[in-house]
C-alpha cells in the first residue's frame, strides 16, 4: 500500500512517522539487517516512490539510517553528519550480530 506524503522537510518527518512510511518491518529485520516499509512522497516537483527494503548495519556499532530525500535511497553508516540531502530515520545500535536498540527520528526536523 503506498501513501503520498507532502514534503517540506519538517512536515515530511512528522508525516513519515504518522503514516508509517519507512517504519521498521519486523518480517525482514534479522541479525544486523534492518527491514523497512516503503513510502511515496513529493520532493519539490518530483514524486519519489521507495519500495520496502533492507539495509545491512555495521555490527558492534551505532548506525545512522537515512533516506536521501531526492532519490529515496536508504543507507546506513556509523557517522552522524548533518546533511541537507538526507533525512535521519533511525539510530540503531548493534552488538554481537544483533540489533540492541532502535531510536526513531522520523518525526524530528533537521
Foldseek 3Di string as FASTA:
>chain_A
DEDEFEDDQLRQLQCCVVVQAQPFDPVPDDQQKTWTAWYWYDDPNDIETGHTDIEGEDAQAWKWWWAQPPHRDIYIDRDDDDDPRIDTAWTWGHYPRHTDDIDGRSNPGD
